[in-house]
Amino acid sequence: MTLGLLTLAGVAWQRGAESWRSLLLWLIGVVLGVALYHASFGFASAYRRMIVARSVRGVQAQLLLLALTTGLFAPVLAQTEVWGQSVGGAWAPVAVSVAAGAFLFGVGMQLAGGCGSGTLYTAGGGSLRMGVVLASACAGSFWASWHMGWWQALPSHAPVVLADLWGWKTALGLQWATMAILAVLLHVWARSGTLSITERERSSPRHRVSNFDWRAGLRGPWPVTAAALVLALGNLATLVTAGHPWSITWGFTLWGAKAAQALGWQPASSPFWQGDFQSHALAGGVMQDTTSLMNLGIMLGAAMAATLAGRYAPAWNVPWRSLLAAVLGGLLLGYGSRIAYGCNIGALVSGVASGSLHGWLWLACALPGTWLGIQLRRRFRLAD
């Protein structure tokens, strides 16, 4: 563990000598990994608790994250340039591929037991099962890259950016109003149901804001509200440093392609990999890719957090049904995120925060997939 951390830190320092932006993005990834791990800030589990037990605290924390990130992004994206760095949002078409990909992602993250960010921080935190999910997600995302031409030929509308339609201040107000309405509706819906959050969830220290001690912040746990603030600030830092918002699953696609290339696959066989960005990324090193750099930083941050909390203890005791669900879920998670132009971070959080309508479409289609994924979890004897 120590040797691995020192090796990764050395590589990051070398990249930092070449570019201060690379080192800063690495450090941002590490901080994001610590926040995700210490707060157990997940999307898959939050949606599952909402559907199964009408516990909406996790989803409301996501709405807080969306509201904070949108508020931070709006004035920055309106300037188009910050400190000499051009900036652009996570804008993508409103397309059939987004809807289909989000649905598949919703199914996959329930079988896998984690979303894009959840896979990284739990794998980094020592879960060998989530390492299987990560490898499968890389394979699924690379697989989807072969089919991108077919998916992009389906009905699609050019990116709809709310700030372009109404100005950034009006767009921000409308988005905040939408999020507030959703938060209120979720609260009313949760209170009206016969099911409620379990006593274990009520007493979990990860959700008790009153017990948070900043002096022990590196050991955790963190409340989800504190993590939401850190994640929003981290996304803003990514935007002004890299020129684009935080994303995750492009790294999965690239890792899968590099593995396939090592096994003899020829990029010339795929039109997707002939694009300028894709071919340049494939020709370069993993640490030269911004998303990959941050993904590895997130995993390192989660490993550090788990170690400081005394919970880093990898163990292989995964039932075969759970392992099969991990492989299938990872494949669906990776495939869906590629054709949907991102996952819960790149498409949902960064997309909505950028004022792109495709982010809301992603959410609307991921939820039905989540419901189906929960039903399938039970077939694999996975707990709700």
Protein backbone atom coordinates (compact mmCIF):
# COMPACT_ATOMS: atom_id res chain seq x y z
CA MET A 1 0.00 0.00 0.00
CA THR A 2 2.71 2.48 1.02
CA LEU A 3 4.85 1.60 -2.00
CA GLY A 4 1.86 2.10 -4.30
CA LEU A 5 1.07 5.50 -2.81
CA LEU A 6 4.69 6.62 -3.12
CA THR A 7 4.85 5.45 -6.74
CA LEU A 8 1.66 7.29 -7.67
CA ALA A 9 2.83 10.41 -5.86
CA GLY A 10 6.13 10.25 -7.73
CA VAL A 11 4.41 9.99 -11.09
CA ALA A 12 2.15 12.90 -10.16
CA TRP A 13 5.13 14.99 -9.12
CA GLN A 14 6.84 14.24 -12.44
CA ARG A 15 3.73 15.32 -14.32
CA GLY A 16 3.62 18.43 -12.13
CA ALA A 17 7.16 19.32 -13.18
CA GLU A 18 5.93 19.29 -16.77
CA SER A 19 2.73 21.21 -16.05
CA TRP A 20 1.45 22.79 -12.85
CA ARG A 21 -2.07 22.21 -14.12
CA SER A 22 -1.50 18.45 -14.16
CA LEU A 23 -0.30 18.46 -10.57
CA LEU A 24 -3.22 20.61 -9.48
CA LEU A 25 -5.74 18.34 -11.21
CA TRP A 26 -4.13 15.34 -9.52
CA LEU A 27 -4.49 17.01 -6.14
CA ILE A 28 -8.09 17.97 -6.89
CA GLY A 29 -8.77 14.30 -7.66
CA VAL A 30 -7.21 13.25 -4.36
CA VAL A 31 -9.42 15.69 -2.43
CA LEU A 32 -12.51 14.49 -4.31
CA GLY A 33 -11.62 10.90 -3.44
CA VAL A 34 -11.31 11.73 0.25
CA ALA A 35 -14.67 13.52 0.25
CA LEU A 36 -16.46 10.76 -1.66
CA TYR A 37 -15.12 8.03 0.62
CA HIS A 38 -15.58 9.74 3.97
CA ALA A 39 -19.18 10.73 3.18
CA SER A 40 -20.02 7.54 1.25
CA PHE A 41 -21.39 9.99 -1.31
CA GLY A 42 -23.03 7.63 -3.75
CA PHE A 43 -25.75 7.89 -6.35
CA ALA A 44 -26.64 4.20 -6.74
CA SER A 45 -27.31 3.67 -3.03
CA ALA A 46 -29.15 6.98 -2.67
CA TYR A 47 -31.55 6.14 -5.50
CA ARG A 48 -32.03 2.64 -4.12
CA ARG A 49 -32.90 3.91 -0.63
CA MET A 50 -35.30 6.39 -2.17
CA ILE A 51 -37.16 3.73 -4.14
CA VAL A 52 -37.04 0.92 -1.57
CA ALA A 53 -37.39 2.79 1.71
CA ARG A 54 -38.53 6.31 0.74
CA SER A 55 -35.37 7.65 2.30
CA VAL A 56 -34.56 10.79 0.31
CA ARG A 57 -31.64 12.22 2.29
CA GLY A 58 -29.06 11.00 -0.21
CA VAL A 59 -30.99 12.32 -3.21
CA GLN A 60 -31.54 15.66 -1.50
CA ALA A 61 -27.77 15.82 -0.95
CA GLN A 62 -27.39 15.33 -4.68
CA LEU A 63 -29.79 18.21 -5.31
CA LEU A 64 -27.68 20.34 -2.98
CA LEU A 65 -24.59 19.35 -4.97
CA LEU A 66 -26.37 20.28 -8.20
CA ALA A 67 -27.51 23.63 -6.80
CA LEU A 68 -24.05 24.54 -5.49
CA THR A 69 -22.25 23.48 -8.66
CA THR A 70 -24.74 25.25 -10.91
CA GLY A 71 -24.36 28.45 -8.92
CA LEU A 72 -20.57 28.27 -9.13
CA PHE A 73 -20.52 27.39 -12.84
CA ALA A 74 -23.00 29.93 -14.18
CA PRO A 75 -20.95 33.16 -13.89
CA VAL A 76 -17.71 31.39 -14.88
CA LEU A 77 -19.13 29.83 -18.06
CA ALA A 78 -20.64 33.21 -18.96
CA GLN A 79 -17.11 34.68 -19.13
CA THR A 80 -15.78 31.92 -21.46
CA GLU A 81 -12.25 32.58 -20.12
CA VAL A 82 -10.79 32.64 -16.60
CA TRP A 83 -7.18 33.59 -15.78
CA GLY A 84 -6.15 32.97 -19.35
CA GLN A 85 -7.82 29.53 -19.50
CA SER A 86 -10.74 29.13 -21.90
CA VAL A 87 -13.65 27.31 -20.28
CA GLY A 88 -16.56 25.37 -21.70
CA GLY A 89 -19.39 23.38 -20.17
CA ALA A 90 -20.42 19.74 -20.38
CA TRP A 91 -22.74 20.29 -23.32
CA ALA A 92 -24.10 17.32 -25.26
CA PRO A 93 -26.98 16.61 -27.64
CA VAL A 94 -30.49 15.83 -26.46
CA ALA A 95 -30.52 12.45 -28.10
CA VAL A 96 -31.95 8.96 -28.11
CA SER A 97 -28.49 7.71 -27.23
CA VAL A 98 -28.50 9.79 -24.03
CA ALA A 99 -31.86 8.37 -22.99
CA ALA A 100 -30.87 4.78 -23.78
CA GLY A 101 -27.44 5.13 -22.21
CA ALA A 102 -28.79 6.65 -19.00
CA PHE A 103 -31.33 3.84 -18.70
CA LEU A 104 -28.63 1.19 -19.15
CA PHE A 105 -26.42 3.03 -16.67
CA GLY A 106 -29.25 3.04 -14.13
CA VAL A 107 -29.62 -0.74 -14.45
CA GLY A 108 -25.88 -1.27 -14.37
CA MET A 109 -25.11 0.83 -11.32
CA GLN A 110 -27.62 -1.12 -9.24
CA LEU A 111 -26.18 -4.47 -10.27
CA ALA A 112 -22.67 -3.14 -9.81
CA GLY A 113 -23.43 -1.48 -6.49
CA GLY A 114 -21.90 1.82 -7.54
CA CYS A 115 -22.05 4.65 -10.06
CA GLY A 116 -19.09 6.14 -11.94
CA SER A 117 -17.68 8.01 -8.96
CA GLY A 118 -18.82 5.29 -6.55
CA THR A 119 -16.89 2.65 -8.48
CA LEU A 120 -13.69 4.68 -8.24
CA TYR A 121 -13.83 5.53 -4.56
CA THR A 122 -14.95 2.10 -3.37
CA ALA A 123 -12.35 0.34 -5.52
CA GLY A 124 -9.74 2.77 -4.27
CA GLY A 125 -10.96 2.20 -0.73
CA GLY A 126 -10.09 -1.49 -0.94
CA SER A 127 -13.15 -3.24 -2.42
CA LEU A 128 -11.90 -6.00 -4.70
CA ARG A 129 -15.43 -6.58 -6.00
CA MET A 130 -15.55 -2.98 -7.19
CA GLY A 131 -12.22 -3.55 -8.88
CA VAL A 132 -14.06 -6.16 -10.97
CA VAL A 133 -16.79 -3.59 -11.67
CA LEU A 134 -14.16 -1.07 -12.76
CA ALA A 135 -12.50 -3.52 -15.15
CA SER A 136 -15.90 -4.49 -16.59
CA ALA A 137 -16.89 -0.84 -16.97
CA CYS A 138 -13.72 -0.18 -18.95
CA ALA A 139 -14.57 -3.13 -21.21
CA GLY A 140 -18.18 -1.99 -21.62
CA SER A 141 -17.22 1.60 -22.38
CA PHE A 142 -14.67 0.51 -24.96
CA TRP A 143 -17.24 -1.86 -26.48
CA ALA A 144 -19.67 1.06 -26.83
CA SER A 145 -17.05 3.09 -28.69
CA TRP A 146 -17.35 0.61 -31.57
CA HIS A 147 -21.05 1.43 -31.88
CA MET A 148 -20.97 5.22 -31.50
CA GLY A 149 -21.62 5.82 -35.19
CA TRP A 150 -24.83 3.79 -35.02
CA TRP A 151 -26.04 5.51 -31.87
CA GLN A 152 -25.22 8.99 -33.17
CA ALA A 153 -27.25 8.28 -36.32
CA LEU A 154 -30.43 7.97 -34.22
CA PRO A 155 -32.69 11.02 -33.65
CA SER A 156 -30.79 13.79 -31.93
CA HIS A 157 -31.07 17.51 -31.26
CA ALA A 158 -28.12 19.83 -30.97
CA PRO A 159 -27.10 20.71 -27.40
CA VAL A 160 -29.68 22.91 -25.68
CA VAL A 161 -27.90 25.31 -23.33
CA LEU A 162 -30.30 27.24 -21.10
CA ALA A 163 -27.97 30.22 -20.70
CA ASP A 164 -27.96 30.66 -24.48
CA LEU A 165 -31.75 30.79 -24.49
CA TRP A 166 -32.43 33.10 -21.55
CA GLY A 167 -29.13 34.42 -20.25
CA TRP A 168 -27.16 32.88 -17.43
CA LYS A 169 -28.92 34.68 -14.56
CA THR A 170 -32.42 33.67 -15.67
CA ALA A 171 -31.25 30.13 -16.46
CA LEU A 172 -29.66 29.87 -13.02
CA GLY A 173 -32.86 31.05 -11.34
CA LEU A 174 -34.96 28.54 -13.27
CA GLN A 175 -32.60 25.68 -12.45
CA TRP A 176 -32.51 26.58 -8.77
CA ALA A 177 -36.30 26.82 -8.71
CA THR A 178 -36.57 23.38 -10.33
CA MET A 179 -34.19 21.86 -7.79
CA ALA A 180 -36.05 23.48 -4.88
CA ILE A 181 -39.38 22.15 -6.13
CA LEU A 182 -37.91 18.66 -6.51
CA ALA A 183 -36.50 18.81 -2.97
CA VAL A 184 -39.88 19.80 -1.55
CA LEU A 185 -41.74 17.15 -3.54
CA LEU A 186 -39.29 14.49 -2.37
CA HIS A 187 -39.75 15.56 1.24
CA VAL A 188 -43.54 15.45 0.98
CA TRP A 189 -43.46 12.11 -0.82
CA ALA A 190 -41.15 10.58 1.77
CA ARG A 191 -43.32 11.79 4.67
CA SER A 192 -46.50 10.46 3.08
CA GLY A 193 -45.25 6.90 2.61
CA THR A 194 -45.60 3.94 4.94
CA LEU A 195 -41.94 3.04 4.55
CA SER A 196 -39.24 5.10 6.19
CA ILE A 197 -35.53 5.15 6.72
CA THR A 198 -34.33 2.33 8.94
CA GLU A 199 -33.00 2.84 12.43
CA ARG A 200 -29.56 1.84 11.22
CA GLU A 201 -29.61 4.65 8.67
CA ARG A 202 -30.90 7.10 11.27
CA SER A 203 -28.01 6.35 13.59
CA SER A 204 -25.28 6.10 10.97
CA PRO A 205 -22.47 8.53 11.81
CA ARG A 206 -21.97 9.21 8.14
CA HIS A 207 -25.22 11.17 8.07
CA ARG A 208 -25.11 13.00 11.40
CA VAL A 209 -24.01 16.54 10.67
CA SER A 210 -23.94 17.44 14.38
CA ASN A 211 -21.18 14.88 15.03
CA PHE A 212 -18.81 16.26 12.41
CA ASP A 213 -15.47 17.40 13.80
CA TRP A 214 -13.30 19.28 11.33
CA ARG A 215 -10.22 18.50 13.44
CA ALA A 216 -10.73 14.82 12.68
CA GLY A 217 -11.81 15.42 9.08
CA LEU A 218 -9.07 13.31 7.54
CA ARG A 219 -10.22 10.27 9.54
CA GLY A 220 -13.90 10.77 8.76
CA PRO A 221 -16.73 10.21 8.58
CA TRP A 222 -18.13 13.30 6.86
CA PRO A 223 -21.76 14.39 6.54
CA VAL A 224 -23.06 14.38 2.99
CA THR A 225 -23.67 18.14 3.12
CA ALA A 226 -19.99 18.83 3.78
CA ALA A 227 -19.03 16.47 0.97
CA ALA A 228 -21.47 18.18 -1.41
CA LEU A 229 -19.70 21.50 -0.80
CA VAL A 230 -16.24 19.96 -1.35
CA LEU A 231 -17.39 18.18 -4.53
CA ALA A 232 -18.93 21.38 -5.92
CA LEU A 233 -15.76 23.37 -5.23
CA GLY A 234 -13.67 20.56 -6.69
CA ASN A 235 -15.73 20.62 -9.87
CA LEU A 236 -15.29 24.39 -10.14
CA ALA A 237 -11.54 23.99 -9.61
CA THR A 238 -11.50 21.39 -12.40
CA LEU A 239 -13.37 23.74 -14.72
CA VAL A 240 -10.99 26.67 -14.28
CA THR A 241 -7.88 24.46 -14.33
CA ALA A 242 -8.66 22.03 -17.14
CA GLY A 243 -11.09 24.22 -19.07
CA HIS A 244 -13.90 21.67 -18.76
CA PRO A 245 -15.98 20.24 -15.90
CA TRP A 246 -15.26 17.10 -13.91
CA SER A 247 -15.86 13.87 -15.81
CA ILE A 248 -15.07 10.24 -15.09
CA THR A 249 -16.08 7.64 -17.65
CA TRP A 250 -14.05 8.91 -20.60
CA GLY A 251 -11.17 7.52 -18.57
CA PHE A 252 -12.87 4.11 -18.58
CA THR A 253 -13.16 4.22 -22.37
CA LEU A 254 -9.51 5.14 -22.78
CA TRP A 255 -8.30 2.50 -20.32
CA GLY A 256 -10.33 -0.15 -22.12
CA ALA A 257 -8.89 0.92 -25.48
CA LYS A 258 -5.32 0.87 -24.20
CA ALA A 259 -5.84 -2.63 -22.79
CA ALA A 260 -7.32 -3.79 -26.11
CA GLN A 261 -4.42 -2.20 -27.99
CA ALA A 262 -1.96 -4.07 -25.78
CA LEU A 263 -3.77 -7.29 -26.78
CA GLY A 264 -3.41 -6.53 -30.49
CA TRP A 265 -6.46 -4.41 -31.35
CA GLN A 266 -5.87 -1.92 -34.16
CA PRO A 267 -7.45 1.57 -33.68
CA ALA A 268 -7.76 1.96 -37.45
CA SER A 269 -10.62 -0.56 -37.33
CA SER A 270 -12.86 1.88 -35.42
CA PRO A 271 -14.07 5.23 -36.83
CA PHE A 272 -14.56 6.54 -33.29
CA TRP A 273 -10.85 6.25 -32.55
CA GLN A 274 -9.93 8.17 -35.70
CA GLY A 275 -11.18 11.42 -34.20
CA ASP A 276 -8.50 13.97 -33.33
CA PHE A 277 -9.17 13.96 -29.58
CA GLN A 278 -9.53 10.19 -29.32
CA SER A 279 -6.46 9.35 -31.40
CA HIS A 280 -4.34 11.89 -29.52
CA ALA A 281 -5.45 10.48 -26.16
CA LEU A 282 -4.78 6.91 -27.29
CA ALA A 283 -1.30 7.82 -28.52
CA GLY A 284 -0.37 9.56 -25.26
CA GLY A 285 0.25 8.17 -21.82
CA VAL A 286 -2.54 7.58 -19.32
CA MET A 287 -1.19 10.29 -17.02
CA GLN A 288 -1.35 12.77 -19.90
CA ASP A 289 -5.12 12.43 -20.04
CA THR A 290 -6.90 14.83 -17.67
CA THR A 291 -9.77 12.49 -16.82
CA SER A 292 -7.48 9.53 -16.22
CA LEU A 293 -5.19 11.67 -14.07
CA MET A 294 -8.11 12.75 -11.88
CA ASN A 295 -9.61 9.25 -11.74
CA LEU A 296 -6.35 7.86 -10.38
CA GLY A 297 -6.20 10.77 -7.95
CA ILE A 298 -9.70 9.93 -6.73
CA MET A 299 -8.70 6.32 -6.14
CA LEU A 300 -5.57 7.42 -4.30
CA GLY A 301 -7.60 9.85 -2.16
CA ALA A 302 -10.06 7.10 -1.28
CA ALA A 303 -7.21 4.72 -0.40
CA MET A 304 -5.69 7.38 1.86
CA ALA A 305 -9.05 8.06 3.51
CA ALA A 306 -9.71 4.35 4.10
CA THR A 307 -6.23 3.92 5.56
CA LEU A 308 -6.58 6.90 7.91
CA ALA A 309 -9.98 5.59 9.00
CA GLY A 310 -8.52 2.13 9.65
CA ARG A 311 -10.81 0.51 7.09
CA TYR A 312 -8.42 -0.38 4.27
CA ALA A 313 -8.53 -4.17 4.33
CA PRO A 314 -9.05 -5.78 0.91
CA ALA A 315 -10.58 -9.24 1.16
CA TRP A 316 -11.81 -11.66 -1.48
CA ASN A 317 -14.98 -13.26 -0.17
CA VAL A 318 -17.43 -12.46 -2.96
CA PRO A 319 -20.22 -14.99 -3.68
CA TRP A 320 -20.37 -16.05 -7.30
CA ARG A 321 -23.79 -14.41 -7.84
CA SER A 322 -22.44 -11.11 -6.56
CA LEU A 323 -19.39 -11.46 -8.80
CA LEU A 324 -21.58 -12.16 -11.84
CA ALA A 325 -23.70 -9.10 -11.01
CA ALA A 326 -20.50 -7.04 -10.74
CA VAL A 327 -19.38 -8.07 -14.22
CA LEU A 328 -22.79 -7.54 -15.83
CA GLY A 329 -23.38 -4.29 -13.97
CA GLY A 330 -19.96 -2.95 -14.90
CA LEU A 331 -20.50 -3.75 -18.59
CA LEU A 332 -23.87 -1.96 -18.61
CA LEU A 333 -22.50 0.95 -16.58
CA GLY A 334 -19.60 1.42 -18.98
CA TYR A 335 -21.60 0.94 -22.17
CA GLY A 336 -24.39 3.26 -21.03
CA SER A 337 -22.09 6.05 -19.94
CA ARG A 338 -20.27 6.09 -23.28
CA ILE A 339 -23.37 6.45 -25.45
CA ALA A 340 -24.95 8.92 -22.96
CA TYR A 341 -21.88 11.20 -23.08
CA GLY A 342 -21.12 10.63 -19.43
CA CYS A 343 -22.23 9.17 -16.13
CA ASN A 344 -23.74 10.56 -12.94
CA ILE A 345 -20.86 13.05 -12.80
CA GLY A 346 -20.04 13.94 -16.40
CA ALA A 347 -23.61 13.90 -17.73
CA LEU A 348 -25.77 14.60 -14.67
CA VAL A 349 -23.83 16.86 -12.29
CA SER A 350 -21.58 18.59 -14.80
CA GLY A 351 -24.25 18.60 -17.50
CA VAL A 352 -26.97 20.15 -15.34
CA ALA A 353 -24.49 22.58 -13.78
CA SER A 354 -23.49 23.65 -17.30
CA GLY A 355 -27.13 24.38 -18.10
CA SER A 356 -27.30 21.57 -20.66
CA LEU A 357 -30.73 20.02 -21.10
CA HIS A 358 -29.22 16.60 -21.72
CA GLY A 359 -28.30 16.43 -18.02
CA TRP A 360 -31.96 16.53 -17.02
CA LEU A 361 -32.80 13.96 -19.72
CA TRP A 362 -30.10 11.72 -18.25
CA LEU A 363 -31.70 11.90 -14.79
CA ALA A 364 -35.21 11.23 -16.12
CA CYS A 365 -34.06 8.07 -17.91
CA ALA A 366 -31.62 6.80 -15.28
CA LEU A 367 -34.36 6.54 -12.64
CA PRO A 368 -36.48 3.94 -14.52
CA GLY A 369 -33.27 2.01 -15.16
CA THR A 370 -32.55 2.18 -11.45
CA TRP A 371 -35.94 0.65 -10.65
CA LEU A 372 -35.29 -2.23 -13.06
CA GLY A 373 -31.80 -2.65 -11.66
CA ILE A 374 -33.20 -3.01 -8.13
CA GLN A 375 -35.51 -5.80 -9.31
CA LEU A 376 -32.57 -7.55 -10.96
CA ARG A 377 -30.44 -7.17 -7.82
CA ARG A 378 -32.90 -9.39 -6.01
CA ARG A 379 -32.44 -12.09 -8.67
CA PHE A 380 -28.75 -12.08 -7.81
CA ARG A 381 -29.60 -12.17 -4.08
CA LEU A 382 -28.10 -8.75 -3.46
CA ALA A 383 -29.46 -6.84 -0.50
CA ASP A 384 -31.61 -3.76 -1.01
